[in-house]
Amino acid sequence: KGKKLRIRIPLIPGCNDSEENIEATAKFVESLGASVEGLDILPYHRLGEPKWEQLDREYTLSGVKPPEREHVMMLKDLVTPYCPNVSVGG
């Protein structure tokens, strides 16, 4: 339809942060062609955890630590050949 896409990937340790998963995702993004203007890797953080407590809801990612910066940057380097316009943090 001629619309531009910006793909945003929340990066959650132990869930979707393996090299295999990220590379497969990058290959899929590449297959979308010129409609993709870029890809944002969004590392997991715990800033929203207090909101869950305020809502009296269970925070199911409790205990999950944010990914190390080196790991995130390695994943960025891994996807760059498939999607050159990659950012971390979006």
N, C-alpha and C. Protein backbone atom coordinates (compact mmCIF):
# COMPACT_ATOMS: atom_id res chain seq x y z
N LYS A 1 0.81 -1.21 0.00
CA LYS A 1 0.00 0.00 0.00
C LYS A 1 0.85 1.26 0.00
N GLY A 2 2.17 1.10 -0.07
CA GLY A 2 3.03 2.27 -0.12
C GLY A 2 3.34 2.89 1.23
N LYS A 3 2.92 2.28 2.30
CA LYS A 3 3.17 2.82 3.64
C LYS A 3 4.55 2.36 4.13
N LYS A 4 5.23 3.22 4.83
CA LYS A 4 6.51 2.89 5.43
C LYS A 4 6.30 2.24 6.79
N LEU A 5 7.16 1.28 7.11
CA LEU A 5 7.09 0.57 8.38
C LEU A 5 8.35 0.81 9.18
N ARG A 6 8.19 0.93 10.47
CA ARG A 6 9.33 0.91 11.38
C ARG A 6 9.06 -0.25 12.32
N ILE A 7 9.92 -1.24 12.28
CA ILE A 7 9.75 -2.45 13.08
C ILE A 7 10.39 -2.21 14.44
N ARG A 8 9.65 -2.55 15.50
CA ARG A 8 10.13 -2.37 16.87
C ARG A 8 10.13 -3.72 17.56
N ILE A 9 11.30 -4.14 18.06
CA ILE A 9 11.45 -5.44 18.70
C ILE A 9 11.77 -5.25 20.17
N PRO A 10 10.82 -5.53 21.06
CA PRO A 10 11.17 -5.56 22.49
C PRO A 10 12.11 -6.73 22.72
N LEU A 11 13.24 -6.49 23.35
CA LEU A 11 14.24 -7.52 23.58
C LEU A 11 14.16 -7.97 25.02
N ILE A 12 13.65 -9.18 25.23
CA ILE A 12 13.41 -9.69 26.58
C ILE A 12 14.35 -10.87 26.84
N PRO A 13 15.26 -10.73 27.81
CA PRO A 13 16.20 -11.80 28.11
C PRO A 13 15.49 -13.12 28.42
N GLY A 14 16.01 -14.18 27.81
CA GLY A 14 15.45 -15.50 28.04
C GLY A 14 14.19 -15.78 27.24
N CYS A 15 13.71 -14.79 26.53
CA CYS A 15 12.48 -14.96 25.75
C CYS A 15 12.76 -14.88 24.26
N ASN A 16 13.36 -13.79 23.83
CA ASN A 16 13.58 -13.61 22.39
C ASN A 16 14.94 -12.99 22.07
N ASP A 17 15.90 -13.11 22.98
CA ASP A 17 17.18 -12.43 22.79
C ASP A 17 18.30 -13.33 22.28
N SER A 18 17.96 -14.51 21.77
CA SER A 18 19.02 -15.38 21.24
C SER A 18 19.45 -14.87 19.87
N GLU A 19 20.69 -15.18 19.52
CA GLU A 19 21.20 -14.78 18.21
C GLU A 19 20.34 -15.38 17.10
N GLU A 20 19.96 -16.63 17.26
CA GLU A 20 19.16 -17.32 16.23
C GLU A 20 17.82 -16.62 16.02
N ASN A 21 17.16 -16.25 17.10
CA ASN A 21 15.86 -15.61 16.99
C ASN A 21 15.98 -14.22 16.35
N ILE A 22 16.95 -13.46 16.80
CA ILE A 22 17.10 -12.10 16.28
C ILE A 22 17.51 -12.13 14.81
N GLU A 23 18.37 -13.06 14.43
CA GLU A 23 18.77 -13.15 13.02
C GLU A 23 17.58 -13.57 12.15
N ALA A 24 16.78 -14.53 12.64
CA ALA A 24 15.58 -14.94 11.88
C ALA A 24 14.61 -13.78 11.74
N THR A 25 14.46 -12.99 12.78
CA THR A 25 13.58 -11.82 12.72
C THR A 25 14.12 -10.81 11.71
N ALA A 26 15.44 -10.60 11.71
CA ALA A 26 16.05 -9.66 10.77
C ALA A 26 15.86 -10.12 9.33
N LYS A 27 15.97 -11.42 9.09
CA LYS A 27 15.75 -11.95 7.74
C LYS A 27 14.30 -11.72 7.31
N PHE A 28 13.37 -11.91 8.24
CA PHE A 28 11.97 -11.65 7.93
C PHE A 28 11.76 -10.17 7.58
N VAL A 29 12.36 -9.29 8.39
CA VAL A 29 12.24 -7.85 8.14
C VAL A 29 12.80 -7.52 6.76
N GLU A 30 13.94 -8.11 6.43
CA GLU A 30 14.54 -7.88 5.11
C GLU A 30 13.59 -8.30 3.99
N SER A 31 12.85 -9.40 4.23
CA SER A 31 11.92 -9.90 3.20
C SER A 31 10.76 -8.95 2.94
N LEU A 32 10.53 -8.02 3.84
CA LEU A 32 9.44 -7.06 3.68
C LEU A 32 9.79 -5.98 2.66
N GLY A 33 11.08 -5.88 2.35
CA GLY A 33 11.52 -4.98 1.28
C GLY A 33 11.59 -3.52 1.66
N ALA A 34 11.44 -2.70 0.65
CA ALA A 34 11.65 -1.26 0.78
C ALA A 34 10.62 -0.56 1.66
N SER A 35 9.54 -1.23 2.01
CA SER A 35 8.55 -0.59 2.87
C SER A 35 9.07 -0.39 4.30
N VAL A 36 10.13 -1.12 4.67
CA VAL A 36 10.70 -0.99 6.01
C VAL A 36 11.73 0.14 6.02
N GLU A 37 11.47 1.15 6.83
CA GLU A 37 12.40 2.27 6.91
C GLU A 37 13.42 2.09 8.02
N GLY A 38 13.21 1.14 8.91
CA GLY A 38 14.17 0.90 9.97
C GLY A 38 13.67 -0.10 10.99
N LEU A 39 14.56 -0.45 11.89
CA LEU A 39 14.27 -1.43 12.94
C LEU A 39 14.80 -0.89 14.26
N ASP A 40 13.97 -0.93 15.28
CA ASP A 40 14.37 -0.49 16.62
C ASP A 40 14.46 -1.71 17.53
N ILE A 41 15.60 -1.86 18.19
CA ILE A 41 15.76 -2.89 19.23
C ILE A 41 15.49 -2.19 20.55
N LEU A 42 14.51 -2.69 21.27
CA LEU A 42 14.07 -2.05 22.51
C LEU A 42 14.42 -2.95 23.69
N PRO A 43 15.60 -2.74 24.31
CA PRO A 43 16.00 -3.59 25.43
C PRO A 43 15.01 -3.50 26.60
N TYR A 44 14.73 -4.65 27.16
CA TYR A 44 13.86 -4.73 28.34
C TYR A 44 14.42 -3.85 29.46
N HIS A 45 13.53 -3.17 30.16
CA HIS A 45 13.90 -2.43 31.36
C HIS A 45 12.80 -2.64 32.40
N ARG A 46 13.06 -2.23 33.60
CA ARG A 46 12.12 -2.48 34.69
C ARG A 46 11.38 -1.22 35.14
N LEU A 47 11.38 -0.19 34.33
CA LEU A 47 10.78 1.08 34.73
C LEU A 47 9.26 0.98 34.94
N GLY A 48 8.60 0.04 34.30
CA GLY A 48 7.16 -0.08 34.45
C GLY A 48 6.72 -0.96 35.61
N GLU A 49 7.68 -1.58 36.28
CA GLU A 49 7.34 -2.51 37.36
C GLU A 49 6.49 -1.87 38.47
N PRO A 50 6.80 -0.66 38.94
CA PRO A 50 5.96 -0.06 39.99
C PRO A 50 4.50 0.15 39.57
N LYS A 51 4.28 0.39 38.27
CA LYS A 51 2.91 0.59 37.80
C LYS A 51 2.08 -0.68 38.02
N TRP A 52 2.69 -1.83 37.77
CA TRP A 52 1.99 -3.09 37.99
C TRP A 52 1.61 -3.25 39.46
N GLU A 53 2.52 -2.85 40.35
CA GLU A 53 2.24 -2.93 41.78
C GLU A 53 1.08 -1.99 42.15
N GLN A 54 1.07 -0.78 41.58
CA GLN A 54 0.00 0.17 41.85
C GLN A 54 -1.35 -0.36 41.37
N LEU A 55 -1.33 -1.12 40.30
CA LEU A 55 -2.56 -1.70 39.76
C LEU A 55 -2.93 -3.02 40.46
N ASP A 56 -2.11 -3.40 41.45
CA ASP A 56 -2.32 -4.64 42.19
C ASP A 56 -2.36 -5.85 41.24
N ARG A 57 -1.42 -5.83 40.30
CA ARG A 57 -1.33 -6.91 39.33
C ARG A 57 0.03 -7.57 39.45
N GLU A 58 0.07 -8.84 39.14
CA GLU A 58 1.32 -9.59 39.19
C GLU A 58 2.23 -9.16 38.03
N TYR A 59 3.46 -8.85 38.34
CA TYR A 59 4.45 -8.51 37.32
C TYR A 59 5.18 -9.80 36.95
N THR A 60 4.81 -10.37 35.82
CA THR A 60 5.30 -11.70 35.46
C THR A 60 6.77 -11.72 35.06
N LEU A 61 7.37 -10.57 34.84
CA LEU A 61 8.80 -10.52 34.49
C LEU A 61 9.66 -10.15 35.69
N SER A 62 9.09 -10.24 36.87
CA SER A 62 9.85 -9.96 38.08
C SER A 62 11.06 -10.89 38.13
N GLY A 63 12.21 -10.34 38.41
CA GLY A 63 13.43 -11.14 38.46
C GLY A 63 14.19 -11.17 37.15
N VAL A 64 13.57 -10.73 36.06
CA VAL A 64 14.27 -10.66 34.78
C VAL A 64 15.14 -9.41 34.79
N LYS A 65 16.41 -9.61 34.49
CA LYS A 65 17.34 -8.49 34.48
C LYS A 65 17.46 -7.93 33.06
N PRO A 66 17.60 -6.62 32.94
CA PRO A 66 17.81 -6.03 31.62
C PRO A 66 19.06 -6.63 30.96
N PRO A 67 19.06 -6.71 29.63
CA PRO A 67 20.22 -7.29 28.96
C PRO A 67 21.45 -6.40 29.09
N GLU A 68 22.61 -7.03 29.07
CA GLU A 68 23.87 -6.29 29.10
C GLU A 68 24.03 -5.50 27.81
N ARG A 69 24.59 -4.32 27.90
CA ARG A 69 24.77 -3.46 26.73
C ARG A 69 25.59 -4.16 25.64
N GLU A 70 26.62 -4.90 26.04
CA GLU A 70 27.44 -5.59 25.04
C GLU A 70 26.61 -6.57 24.23
N HIS A 71 25.69 -7.27 24.89
CA HIS A 71 24.82 -8.24 24.20
C HIS A 71 23.90 -7.52 23.22
N VAL A 72 23.32 -6.43 23.66
CA VAL A 72 22.41 -5.67 22.80
C VAL A 72 23.16 -5.15 21.57
N MET A 73 24.36 -4.62 21.77
CA MET A 73 25.13 -4.07 20.65
C MET A 73 25.58 -5.19 19.69
N MET A 74 25.88 -6.36 20.23
CA MET A 74 26.23 -7.50 19.38
C MET A 74 25.03 -7.89 18.52
N LEU A 75 23.83 -7.89 19.10
CA LEU A 75 22.62 -8.20 18.33
C LEU A 75 22.36 -7.13 17.28
N LYS A 76 22.62 -5.89 17.62
CA LYS A 76 22.47 -4.81 16.63
C LYS A 76 23.39 -5.05 15.44
N ASP A 77 24.64 -5.39 15.73
CA ASP A 77 25.59 -5.68 14.65
C ASP A 77 25.15 -6.87 13.82
N LEU A 78 24.51 -7.84 14.46
CA LEU A 78 24.03 -9.04 13.77
C LEU A 78 22.92 -8.71 12.78
N VAL A 79 22.03 -7.80 13.12
CA VAL A 79 20.89 -7.50 12.24
C VAL A 79 21.20 -6.43 11.19
N THR A 80 22.24 -5.65 11.39
CA THR A 80 22.54 -4.55 10.48
C THR A 80 22.70 -4.97 9.02
N PRO A 81 23.31 -6.12 8.71
CA PRO A 81 23.40 -6.51 7.29
C PRO A 81 22.03 -6.73 6.62
N TYR A 82 21.02 -7.05 7.41
CA TYR A 82 19.68 -7.31 6.88
C TYR A 82 18.82 -6.05 6.83
N CYS A 83 19.10 -5.16 7.77
CA CYS A 83 18.31 -3.93 7.88
C CYS A 83 19.26 -2.82 8.34
N PRO A 84 19.83 -2.08 7.41
CA PRO A 84 20.89 -1.12 7.74
C PRO A 84 20.50 -0.02 8.72
N ASN A 85 19.25 0.38 8.77
CA ASN A 85 18.83 1.48 9.64
C ASN A 85 18.32 0.91 10.97
N VAL A 86 19.26 0.52 11.83
CA VAL A 86 18.94 -0.11 13.11
C VAL A 86 19.28 0.85 14.23
N SER A 87 18.37 0.99 15.19
CA SER A 87 18.67 1.79 16.37
C SER A 87 18.38 0.97 17.62
N VAL A 88 19.00 1.38 18.70
CA VAL A 88 18.76 0.75 20.00
C VAL A 88 18.02 1.74 20.85
N GLY A 89 16.89 1.33 21.37
CA GLY A 89 16.11 2.19 22.25
C GLY A 89 14.94 2.87 21.57
N GLY A 90 15.01 3.06 20.29
CA GLY A 90 13.90 3.63 19.52
C GLY A 90 13.50 4.95 20.03
